[in-house]
């Protein structure tokens, strides 16, 4: 007997998918608010044709105006001006109008000429996840009402005139991932509460008047970009986790040594320590660190000898060693002429004379005057000076001898090359100071992720040791499937939750950009109707620190596929209402893949065996047509 063909199920699915393309109709008060905003700004000029009949949810986005709707509510409003002329209306009234759009998740008001304090009414947007008010003339303190925005993930207030201190309440925004306050007039010390921002990935305070010691940020394990240039921070090198990708400390008041473990920052791509007073040995290993492509240590007092046979990383595009106390010979890898690499090394004491050099005695004498205090002893420096001032001449001589011994010991320790350990890598989506609109255009997936994946744990980086423990060291009894390039294991985490762990070999010559795209795309796949991504882990090769394997961790759903419940044993077959519900779930999953994240994931080439059901018969897609970085063209399943 031939198997029945279930045409009605697929017809229902097609109808549901097509129905998602209907236009959204805003509530009347939202349309009126948008009309008032346009009338106040009289910008953009093309929008003068807006009226009560305008379908705001379906107007074409432009570089100056973008509106995004979800479920008959406006969720994103982006307005970008091209004039610095202050508006001739009340800023308070404008923001009160904006605050009436209570469903807003993304608000971008860039280059619109706003001045005066940022109104407290901004805090009424309780659903706000991204706020960008850059390139205006806002002044005064950052409004305390922002502290009530507990869903805020991105706060960009660059290029304004904000003054006062960085508010302590910032550290109590639980999911803040991007904090950018560049080019303002902020002053004072940084609050210790910043150490609570465990989700922070991008932290930029460049071009302010901030000072004092940077709080210890070791526990910010997600921090990837730290930009502090053109302030007065110091004197000690900030404490950081070794996953930082971009570190800019240019033009501050740092005058300590740099930590020897800086060479273990295996994801560091850009390091700018220029125009400070850093002292002590330069770490030559930074030249050969695999991800490094930008290194600037100019205008400091770094010492040490360079050698001709030192190695350099092939992608190192910019090196500035100028105005330090380096001796020896410029490494051949830096001395070779190349259009793709800029190398500056003037005003040292190197034997190479193509760029101006001091005589050797200059660097030797200057180096003798340099003294480095261990990091733990710096805070006692003032007390030590007072004790020495009141000591006898014998004590002074003894103290000098001890300091000399300490200096020689520290110099010996700092000059050692640390053993490189394989590190778990994560990738970064860089914050562009000149393209914040592009950054915000990728924000659509955030609201979907927060709303439709709220029951999932936070996406995170797993350690290899954690995965070994979950799978009993990848024991064969936990192997679910295997092909030529990857294996799928069942694992049990410490909290008792079950996960599926895909271990895949990585192609040897994968570019950093490809890694970034891959991991960022997977991290967005979090939805009630998807087998959602929970995290990842990179296993690095010990010989060259390259990534040998990538582990993707997903939900574990062991209850079978949709085919099992349609054409399997009769007692397990879904009834028609359940089949329609399954079709709706599939359609919602597809809608999320196509429109819920940017960029969308399609075509999906879904088969009925790519749909699984959990214990509550909730359908989840387990194949997204997403390629892995493997030796072959393996697809994520």
Foldseek 3Di string as FASTA:
>chain_A
DDDDDPVVLVVLLVVLLVVVPDAAAADQLLLVLVVVLCVQLVPDVVCPPDDSPDRLCPDDDDPAWDWHDDNRATAETAGEDDDQAAGPDDLQVNLLSVLVSLNYAYYHAYNSAHEEANDLSVLSNQNHAEYHHEHYAYEEANDPSVLNNLNHAEDHHEHYAYEEADDLSVLVSARHAYDAHYAYAYEEEHDLSVLNHLNHAEAAHENYAYEEEDHANANNQNHAYYHHAPYAYDADDHHYHLQHAEDAHHQYAHAAEDDLCVLQSLNHAEDAQENYAHEAADALSLQARANHQYEHHEPYAHEDEDEQQRDGHPNNAEEAQAHYAYEEADHVVQVDDDPRHYYHHAAYCYPDPPHHYDHNVVSVVVNVVDAHDPPVCPVCVVVVVVVLVPDDPVVVVVVVVVSVVVRVVVNVVSHDRDQHDQDWHDADDDDDPVCVVVVVVQCLLVVQQCPFQVVAPAADEDEPVQQCQFCVHVDPVQWDDDDPFWTWGWGAGPVGAIKIKIKGFFDPDDDSVNRNVQQVVLNSQGGLAAQHWRYKTFTADSPRSHTGIIMTITHDADAFFLCCQPVNDVVNHDDPVLSSQQSSSVSVSQCCQVPRGPPHQDDFPDDRRQWGAHPVRRIHGQFRQRFDRHPDRDGGD
